[in-house]
């Protein structure tokens, strides 16, 4: 059985983030590398006036809880999306 990708690797190509039932559009994305520090922001996303941002430390501490779903240290769940289809 394949092990899941770390969240840092899964960030590439992310256009939207589903976080606690809200869809955020990615405005800034930096796939972490060896030069990225723990407090560097690697993802910024927006839903209207609401903003979501993750640091390298947040991303490194995230645990996979299912296909494409991660739990952050504070218990928040995220799903990274390449596109969104509204019905």
PDB file of N, CA and C in Angstrom:
ATOM      1  N   UNK A   1       0.844  -1.176   0.000  1.00  0.00           N
ATOM      2  CA  UNK A   1       0.000   0.000   0.000  1.00  0.00           C
ATOM      3  C   UNK A   1       0.888   1.238   0.000  1.00  0.00           C
ATOM      4  N   UNK A   2       0.583   2.202  -0.873  1.00  0.00           N
ATOM      5  CA  UNK A   2       1.353   3.438  -0.945  1.00  0.00           C
ATOM      6  C   UNK A   2       1.043   4.317   0.249  1.00  0.00           C
ATOM      7  N   UNK A   3       2.091   4.968   0.766  1.00  0.00           N
ATOM      8  CA  UNK A   3       1.845   5.925   1.841  1.00  0.00           C
ATOM      9  C   UNK A   3       1.400   7.250   1.222  1.00  0.00           C
ATOM     10  N   UNK A   4       0.567   8.021   1.933  1.00  0.00           N
ATOM     11  CA  UNK A   4       0.067   9.279   1.375  1.00  0.00           C
ATOM     12  C   UNK A   4       1.182  10.308   1.231  1.00  0.00           C
ATOM     13  N   UNK A   5       1.014  11.200   0.261  1.00  0.00           N
ATOM     14  CA  UNK A   5       1.950  12.307   0.087  1.00  0.00           C
ATOM     15  C   UNK A   5       1.907  13.211   1.310  1.00  0.00           C
ATOM     16  N   UNK A   6       3.047  13.750   1.716  1.00  0.00           N
ATOM     17  CA  UNK A   6       3.002  14.777   2.755  1.00  0.00           C
ATOM     18  C   UNK A   6       2.260  16.002   2.210  1.00  0.00           C
ATOM     19  N   UNK A   7       1.672  16.780   3.080  1.00  0.00           N
ATOM     20  CA  UNK A   7       0.942  17.970   2.662  1.00  0.00           C
ATOM     21  C   UNK A   7       1.832  18.907   1.855  1.00  0.00           C
ATOM     22  N   UNK A   8       3.096  19.052   2.234  1.00  0.00           N
ATOM     23  CA  UNK A   8       4.007  19.936   1.501  1.00  0.00           C
ATOM     24  C   UNK A   8       4.111  19.534   0.033  1.00  0.00           C
ATOM     25  N   UNK A   9       4.161  18.247  -0.254  1.00  0.00           N
ATOM     26  CA  UNK A   9       4.247  17.772  -1.635  1.00  0.00           C
ATOM     27  C   UNK A   9       2.920  17.928  -2.369  1.00  0.00           C
ATOM     28  N   UNK A  10       1.823  17.819  -1.649  1.00  0.00           N
ATOM     29  CA  UNK A  10       0.491  17.896  -2.262  1.00  0.00           C
ATOM     30  C   UNK A  10       0.079  19.324  -2.609  1.00  0.00           C
ATOM     31  N   UNK A  11       0.768  20.333  -2.083  1.00  0.00           N
ATOM     32  CA  UNK A  11       0.406  21.725  -2.339  1.00  0.00           C
ATOM     33  C   UNK A  11       0.510  22.108  -3.810  1.00  0.00           C
ATOM     34  N   UNK A  12       1.435  21.494  -4.535  1.00  0.00           N
ATOM     35  CA  UNK A  12       1.674  21.869  -5.928  1.00  0.00           C
ATOM     36  C   UNK A  12       0.396  21.727  -6.756  1.00  0.00           C
ATOM     37  N   UNK A  13      -0.023  22.806  -7.401  1.00  0.00           N
ATOM     38  CA  UNK A  13      -1.205  22.793  -8.250  1.00  0.00           C
ATOM     39  C   UNK A  13      -2.510  23.088  -7.537  1.00  0.00           C
ATOM     40  N   UNK A  14      -2.444  23.400  -6.259  1.00  0.00           N
ATOM     41  CA  UNK A  14      -3.654  23.672  -5.496  1.00  0.00           C
ATOM     42  C   UNK A  14      -4.243  25.031  -5.874  1.00  0.00           C
ATOM     43  N   UNK A  15      -5.482  25.025  -6.341  1.00  0.00           N
ATOM     44  CA  UNK A  15      -6.170  26.267  -6.702  1.00  0.00           C
ATOM     45  C   UNK A  15      -7.156  26.685  -5.613  1.00  0.00           C
ATOM     46  N   UNK A  16      -7.669  25.707  -4.861  1.00  0.00           N
ATOM     47  CA  UNK A  16      -8.664  25.963  -3.822  1.00  0.00           C
ATOM     48  C   UNK A  16      -8.363  25.085  -2.623  1.00  0.00           C
ATOM     49  N   UNK A  17      -8.803  25.535  -1.459  1.00  0.00           N
ATOM     50  CA  UNK A  17      -8.658  24.774  -0.221  1.00  0.00           C
ATOM     51  C   UNK A  17     -10.032  24.707   0.443  1.00  0.00           C
ATOM     52  N   UNK A  18     -10.477  23.511   0.757  1.00  0.00           N
ATOM     53  CA  UNK A  18     -11.706  23.324   1.517  1.00  0.00           C
ATOM     54  C   UNK A  18     -11.298  23.207   2.979  1.00  0.00           C
ATOM     55  N   UNK A  19     -11.743  24.156   3.786  1.00  0.00           N
ATOM     56  CA  UNK A  19     -11.359  24.203   5.192  1.00  0.00           C
ATOM     57  C   UNK A  19     -12.605  24.401   6.036  1.00  0.00           C
ATOM     58  N   UNK A  20     -12.923  23.406   6.849  1.00  0.00           N
ATOM     59  CA  UNK A  20     -14.072  23.485   7.747  1.00  0.00           C
ATOM     60  C   UNK A  20     -15.354  23.886   7.004  1.00  0.00           C
ATOM     61  N   UNK A  21     -15.554  23.334   5.819  1.00  0.00           N
ATOM     62  CA  UNK A  21     -16.783  23.554   5.065  1.00  0.00           C
ATOM     63  C   UNK A  21     -16.789  24.769   4.159  1.00  0.00           C
ATOM     64  N   UNK A  22     -15.737  25.581   4.180  1.00  0.00           N
ATOM     65  CA  UNK A  22     -15.641  26.763   3.316  1.00  0.00           C
ATOM     66  C   UNK A  22     -14.588  26.537   2.246  1.00  0.00           C
ATOM     67  N   UNK A  23     -14.865  27.001   1.021  1.00  0.00           N
ATOM     68  CA  UNK A  23     -13.901  26.909  -0.066  1.00  0.00           C
ATOM     69  C   UNK A  23     -13.153  28.235  -0.164  1.00  0.00           C
ATOM     70  N   UNK A  24     -11.834  28.167  -0.054  1.00  0.00           N
ATOM     71  CA  UNK A  24     -10.960  29.327  -0.162  1.00  0.00           C
ATOM     72  C   UNK A  24     -10.200  29.240  -1.482  1.00  0.00           C
ATOM     73  N   UNK A  25     -10.074  30.374  -2.183  1.00  0.00           N
ATOM     74  CA  UNK A  25      -9.300  30.414  -3.423  1.00  0.00           C
ATOM     75  C   UNK A  25      -7.852  30.769  -3.092  1.00  0.00           C
ATOM     76  N   UNK A  26      -6.935  29.981  -3.614  1.00  0.00           N
ATOM     77  CA  UNK A  26      -5.522  30.200  -3.365  1.00  0.00           C
ATOM     78  C   UNK A  26      -5.061  31.485  -4.039  1.00  0.00           C
ATOM     79  N   UNK A  27      -4.415  32.364  -3.264  1.00  0.00           N
ATOM     80  CA  UNK A  27      -3.864  33.602  -3.799  1.00  0.00           C
ATOM     81  C   UNK A  27      -2.341  33.551  -3.860  1.00  0.00           C
ATOM     82  N   UNK A  28      -1.728  32.797  -2.969  1.00  0.00           N
ATOM     83  CA  UNK A  28      -0.273  32.663  -2.938  1.00  0.00           C
ATOM     84  C   UNK A  28       0.039  31.234  -2.543  1.00  0.00           C
ATOM     85  N   UNK A  29       0.995  30.640  -3.235  1.00  0.00           N
ATOM     86  CA  UNK A  29       1.394  29.274  -2.942  1.00  0.00           C
ATOM     87  C   UNK A  29       2.886  29.121  -3.170  1.00  0.00           C
ATOM     88  N   UNK A  30       3.557  28.595  -2.173  1.00  0.00           N
ATOM     89  CA  UNK A  30       4.977  28.278  -2.298  1.00  0.00           C
ATOM     90  C   UNK A  30       5.185  26.866  -1.795  1.00  0.00           C
ATOM     91  N   UNK A  31       5.550  25.989  -2.695  1.00  0.00           N
ATOM     92  CA  UNK A  31       5.843  24.624  -2.271  1.00  0.00           C
ATOM     93  C   UNK A  31       7.139  24.678  -1.474  1.00  0.00           C
ATOM     94  N   UNK A  32       7.101  24.228  -0.212  1.00  0.00           N
ATOM     95  CA  UNK A  32       8.287  24.316   0.641  1.00  0.00           C
ATOM     96  C   UNK A  32       9.485  23.573   0.043  1.00  0.00           C
ATOM     97  N   UNK A  33      10.662  24.142   0.253  1.00  0.00           N
ATOM     98  CA  UNK A  33      11.905  23.507  -0.154  1.00  0.00           C
ATOM     99  C   UNK A  33      12.922  23.660   0.970  1.00  0.00           C
ATOM    100  N   UNK A  34      14.165  23.333   0.702  1.00  0.00           N
ATOM    101  CA  UNK A  34      15.180  23.373   1.763  1.00  0.00           C
ATOM    102  C   UNK A  34      15.484  24.788   2.254  1.00  0.00           C
ATOM    103  N   UNK A  35      15.049  25.809   1.510  1.00  0.00           N
ATOM    104  CA  UNK A  35      15.287  27.194   1.903  1.00  0.00           C
ATOM    105  C   UNK A  35      14.112  27.809   2.680  1.00  0.00           C
ATOM    106  N   UNK A  36      13.008  27.091   2.798  1.00  0.00           N
ATOM    107  CA  UNK A  36      11.819  27.595   3.472  1.00  0.00           C
ATOM    108  C   UNK A  36      11.959  27.382   4.976  1.00  0.00           C
ATOM    109  N   UNK A  37      11.813  28.469   5.740  1.00  0.00           N
ATOM    110  CA  UNK A  37      11.904  28.394   7.195  1.00  0.00           C
ATOM    111  C   UNK A  37      10.546  28.021   7.795  1.00  0.00           C
ATOM    112  N   UNK A  38      10.541  27.603   9.048  1.00  0.00           N
ATOM    113  CA  UNK A  38       9.320  27.149   9.719  1.00  0.00           C
ATOM    114  C   UNK A  38       8.232  28.215   9.761  1.00  0.00           C
ATOM    115  N   UNK A  39       8.614  29.504   9.891  1.00  0.00           N
ATOM    116  CA  UNK A  39       7.607  30.563  10.004  1.00  0.00           C
ATOM    117  C   UNK A  39       7.275  31.233   8.663  1.00  0.00           C
ATOM    118  N   UNK A  40       7.837  30.738   7.558  1.00  0.00           N
ATOM    119  CA  UNK A  40       7.502  31.268   6.231  1.00  0.00           C
ATOM    120  C   UNK A  40       6.096  30.837   5.830  1.00  0.00           C
ATOM    121  N   UNK A  41       5.344  31.763   5.272  1.00  0.00           N
ATOM    122  CA  UNK A  41       4.003  31.436   4.775  1.00  0.00           C
ATOM    123  C   UNK A  41       4.149  30.703   3.449  1.00  0.00           C
ATOM    124  N   UNK A  42       3.477  29.558   3.340  1.00  0.00           N
ATOM    125  CA  UNK A  42       3.542  28.772   2.108  1.00  0.00           C
ATOM    126  C   UNK A  42       2.201  28.744   1.376  1.00  0.00           C
ATOM    127  N   UNK A  43       1.119  29.150   2.051  1.00  0.00           N
ATOM    128  CA  UNK A  43      -0.185  29.183   1.405  1.00  0.00           C
ATOM    129  C   UNK A  43      -1.020  30.312   1.981  1.00  0.00           C
ATOM    130  N   UNK A  44      -1.554  31.138   1.085  1.00  0.00           N
ATOM    131  CA  UNK A  44      -2.537  32.153   1.457  1.00  0.00           C
ATOM    132  C   UNK A  44      -3.749  31.927   0.566  1.00  0.00           C
ATOM    133  N   UNK A  45      -4.928  31.947   1.165  1.00  0.00           N
ATOM    134  CA  UNK A  45      -6.163  31.735   0.407  1.00  0.00           C
ATOM    135  C   UNK A  45      -7.251  32.642   0.983  1.00  0.00           C
ATOM    136  N   UNK A  46      -8.266  32.936   0.153  1.00  0.00           N
ATOM    137  CA  UNK A  46      -9.310  33.886   0.554  1.00  0.00           C
ATOM    138  C   UNK A  46     -10.692  33.359   0.149  1.00  0.00           C
ATOM    139  N   UNK A  47     -11.654  33.659   1.019  1.00  0.00           N
ATOM    140  CA  UNK A  47     -13.073  33.436   0.746  1.00  0.00           C
ATOM    141  C   UNK A  47     -13.757  34.720   1.193  1.00  0.00           C
ATOM    142  N   UNK A  48     -14.018  35.626   0.224  1.00  0.00           N
ATOM    143  CA  UNK A  48     -14.573  36.930   0.574  1.00  0.00           C
ATOM    144  C   UNK A  48     -13.618  37.679   1.470  1.00  0.00           C
ATOM    145  N   UNK A  49     -14.064  38.040   2.658  1.00  0.00           N
ATOM    146  CA  UNK A  49     -13.225  38.752   3.621  1.00  0.00           C
ATOM    147  C   UNK A  49     -12.398  37.805   4.497  1.00  0.00           C
ATOM    148  N   UNK A  50     -12.731  36.520   4.475  1.00  0.00           N
ATOM    149  CA  UNK A  50     -12.013  35.539   5.295  1.00  0.00           C
ATOM    150  C   UNK A  50     -10.721  35.127   4.614  1.00  0.00           C
ATOM    151  N   UNK A  51      -9.653  35.046   5.407  1.00  0.00           N
ATOM    152  CA  UNK A  51      -8.350  34.633   4.900  1.00  0.00           C
ATOM    153  C   UNK A  51      -7.875  33.385   5.634  1.00  0.00           C
ATOM    154  N   UNK A  52      -7.124  32.587   4.918  1.00  0.00           N
ATOM    155  CA  UNK A  52      -6.505  31.385   5.464  1.00  0.00           C
ATOM    156  C   UNK A  52      -5.041  31.430   5.064  1.00  0.00           C
ATOM    157  N   UNK A  53      -4.147  31.181   6.000  1.00  0.00           N
ATOM    158  CA  UNK A  53      -2.739  31.086   5.651  1.00  0.00           C
ATOM    159  C   UNK A  53      -2.106  29.987   6.477  1.00  0.00           C
ATOM    160  N   UNK A  54      -1.126  29.334   5.855  1.00  0.00           N
ATOM    161  CA  UNK A  54      -0.393  28.252   6.497  1.00  0.00           C
ATOM    162  C   UNK A  54       1.094  28.532   6.411  1.00  0.00           C
ATOM    163  N   UNK A  55       1.811  28.230   7.482  1.00  0.00           N
ATOM    164  CA  UNK A  55       3.262  28.343   7.491  1.00  0.00           C
ATOM    165  C   UNK A  55       3.885  26.985   7.179  1.00  0.00           C
ATOM    166  N   UNK A  56       5.161  26.993   6.958  1.00  0.00           N
ATOM    167  CA  UNK A  56       5.891  25.738   6.729  1.00  0.00           C
ATOM    168  C   UNK A  56       5.705  24.810   7.925  1.00  0.00           C
ATOM    169  N   UNK A  57       5.730  25.361   9.125  1.00  0.00           N
ATOM    170  CA  UNK A  57       5.541  24.561  10.334  1.00  0.00           C
ATOM    171  C   UNK A  57       4.162  23.902  10.349  1.00  0.00           C
ATOM    172  N   UNK A  58       3.109  24.650   9.951  1.00  0.00           N
ATOM    173  CA  UNK A  58       1.755  24.082   9.869  1.00  0.00           C
ATOM    174  C   UNK A  58       1.722  22.904   8.909  1.00  0.00           C
ATOM    175  N   UNK A  59       2.334  23.098   7.755  1.00  0.00           N
ATOM    176  CA  UNK A  59       2.324  22.086   6.704  1.00  0.00           C
ATOM    177  C   UNK A  59       3.103  20.843   7.139  1.00  0.00           C
ATOM    178  N   UNK A  60       4.264  21.046   7.746  1.00  0.00           N
ATOM    179  CA  UNK A  60       5.089  19.910   8.178  1.00  0.00           C
ATOM    180  C   UNK A  60       4.410  19.091   9.271  1.00  0.00           C
ATOM    181  N   UNK A  61       3.611  19.741  10.117  1.00  0.00           N
ATOM    182  CA  UNK A  61       2.954  19.046  11.224  1.00  0.00           C
ATOM    183  C   UNK A  61       1.636  18.381  10.825  1.00  0.00           C
ATOM    184  N   UNK A  62       1.130  18.651   9.618  1.00  0.00           N
ATOM    185  CA  UNK A  62      -0.155  18.099   9.179  1.00  0.00           C
ATOM    186  C   UNK A  62      -0.066  16.586   8.995  1.00  0.00           C
ATOM    187  N   UNK A  63      -1.155  15.907   9.334  1.00  0.00           N
ATOM    188  CA  UNK A  63      -1.219  14.457   9.196  1.00  0.00           C
ATOM    189  C   UNK A  63      -2.330  14.090   8.230  1.00  0.00           C
ATOM    190  N   UNK A  64      -2.040  13.157   7.340  1.00  0.00           N
ATOM    191  CA  UNK A  64      -3.045  12.668   6.408  1.00  0.00           C
ATOM    192  C   UNK A  64      -4.076  11.847   7.177  1.00  0.00           C
ATOM    193  N   UNK A  65      -5.361  12.116   6.912  1.00  0.00           N
ATOM    194  CA  UNK A  65      -6.441  11.357   7.566  1.00  0.00           C
ATOM    195  C   UNK A  65      -7.334  10.675   6.540  1.00  0.00           C
ATOM    196  N   UNK A  66      -6.937  10.704   5.301  1.00  0.00           N
ATOM    197  CA  UNK A  66      -7.696  10.076   4.225  1.00  0.00           C
ATOM    198  C   UNK A  66      -7.224  10.646   2.905  1.00  0.00           C
ATOM    199  N   UNK A  67      -7.770  10.132   1.839  1.00  0.00           N
ATOM    200  CA  UNK A  67      -7.332  10.558   0.518  1.00  0.00           C
ATOM    201  C   UNK A  67      -7.569  12.052   0.311  1.00  0.00           C
ATOM    202  N   UNK A  68      -6.481  12.806   0.269  1.00  0.00           N
ATOM    203  CA  UNK A  68      -6.558  14.234   0.015  1.00  0.00           C
ATOM    204  C   UNK A  68      -7.003  15.082   1.186  1.00  0.00           C
ATOM    205  N   UNK A  69      -7.061  14.515   2.375  1.00  0.00           N
ATOM    206  CA  UNK A  69      -7.524  15.255   3.556  1.00  0.00           C
ATOM    207  C   UNK A  69      -6.416  15.231   4.607  1.00  0.00           C
ATOM    208  N   UNK A  70      -6.156  16.410   5.193  1.00  0.00           N
ATOM    209  CA  UNK A  70      -5.123  16.543   6.223  1.00  0.00           C
ATOM    210  C   UNK A  70      -5.702  17.202   7.459  1.00  0.00           C
ATOM    211  N   UNK A  71      -5.158  16.827   8.602  1.00  0.00           N
ATOM    212  CA  UNK A  71      -5.518  17.461   9.871  1.00  0.00           C
ATOM    213  C   UNK A  71      -4.304  18.239  10.360  1.00  0.00           C
ATOM    214  N   UNK A  72      -4.543  19.521  10.633  1.00  0.00           N
ATOM    215  CA  UNK A  72      -3.479  20.355  11.177  1.00  0.00           C
ATOM    216  C   UNK A  72      -3.331  20.109  12.668  1.00  0.00           C
ATOM    217  N   UNK A  73      -2.270  20.607  13.235  1.00  0.00           N
ATOM    218  CA  UNK A  73      -1.977  20.423  14.666  1.00  0.00           C
ATOM    219  C   UNK A  73      -3.136  20.877  15.557  1.00  0.00           C
ATOM    220  N   UNK A  74      -3.856  21.959  15.138  1.00  0.00           N
ATOM    221  CA  UNK A  74      -4.964  22.479  15.951  1.00  0.00           C
ATOM    222  C   UNK A  74      -6.283  21.740  15.718  1.00  0.00           C
ATOM    223  N   UNK A  75      -6.267  20.693  14.883  1.00  0.00           N
ATOM    224  CA  UNK A  75      -7.462  19.896  14.636  1.00  0.00           C
ATOM    225  C   UNK A  75      -8.250  20.305  13.395  1.00  0.00           C
ATOM    226  N   UNK A  76      -7.892  21.414  12.766  1.00  0.00           N
ATOM    227  CA  UNK A  76      -8.552  21.869  11.545  1.00  0.00           C
ATOM    228  C   UNK A  76      -8.295  20.865  10.427  1.00  0.00           C
ATOM    229  N   UNK A  77      -9.314  20.564   9.630  1.00  0.00           N
ATOM    230  CA  UNK A  77      -9.136  19.670   8.495  1.00  0.00           C
ATOM    231  C   UNK A  77      -9.104  20.463   7.194  1.00  0.00           C
ATOM    232  N   UNK A  78      -8.258  20.020   6.268  1.00  0.00           N
ATOM    233  CA  UNK A  78      -8.080  20.666   4.974  1.00  0.00           C
ATOM    234  C   UNK A  78      -8.191  19.643   3.861  1.00  0.00           C
ATOM    235  N   UNK A  79      -8.715  20.086   2.730  1.00  0.00           N
ATOM    236  CA  UNK A  79      -8.667  19.320   1.503  1.00  0.00           C
ATOM    237  C   UNK A  79      -8.178  20.262   0.419  1.00  0.00           C
ATOM    238  N   UNK A  80      -7.134  19.870  -0.310  1.00  0.00           N
ATOM    239  CA  UNK A  80      -6.601  20.681  -1.393  1.00  0.00           C
ATOM    240  C   UNK A  80      -7.284  20.285  -2.694  1.00  0.00           C
ATOM    241  N   UNK A  81      -7.674  21.299  -3.479  1.00  0.00           N
ATOM    242  CA  UNK A  81      -8.432  21.062  -4.706  1.00  0.00           C
ATOM    243  C   UNK A  81      -7.768  21.757  -5.883  1.00  0.00           C
ATOM    244  N   UNK A  82      -7.776  21.094  -7.034  1.00  0.00           N
ATOM    245  CA  UNK A  82      -7.258  21.707  -8.244  1.00  0.00           C
ATOM    246  C   UNK A  82      -8.328  22.542  -8.923  1.00  0.00           C
ATOM    247  N   UNK A  83      -9.587  22.170  -8.753  1.00  0.00           N
ATOM    248  CA  UNK A  83     -10.710  22.916  -9.308  1.00  0.00           C
ATOM    249  C   UNK A  83     -11.963  22.634  -8.478  1.00  0.00           C
ATOM    250  N   UNK A  84     -12.965  23.484  -8.630  1.00  0.00           N
ATOM    251  CA  UNK A  84     -14.202  23.331  -7.876  1.00  0.00           C
ATOM    252  C   UNK A  84     -15.363  23.314  -8.877  1.00  0.00           C
ATOM    253  N   UNK A  85     -16.278  22.395  -8.689  1.00  0.00           N
ATOM    254  CA  UNK A  85     -17.479  22.329  -9.496  1.00  0.00           C
ATOM    255  C   UNK A  85     -18.668  22.645  -8.592  1.00  0.00           C
ATOM    256  N   UNK A  86     -19.420  23.685  -8.948  1.00  0.00           N
ATOM    257  CA  UNK A  86     -20.588  24.049  -8.164  1.00  0.00           C
ATOM    258  C   UNK A  86     -21.832  23.512  -8.835  1.00  0.00           C
ATOM    259  N   UNK A  87     -22.744  22.992  -8.042  1.00  0.00           N
ATOM    260  CA  UNK A  87     -24.006  22.454  -8.571  1.00  0.00           C
ATOM    261  C   UNK A  87     -25.161  23.283  -8.070  1.00  0.00           C
TER     262      UNK A  87
END
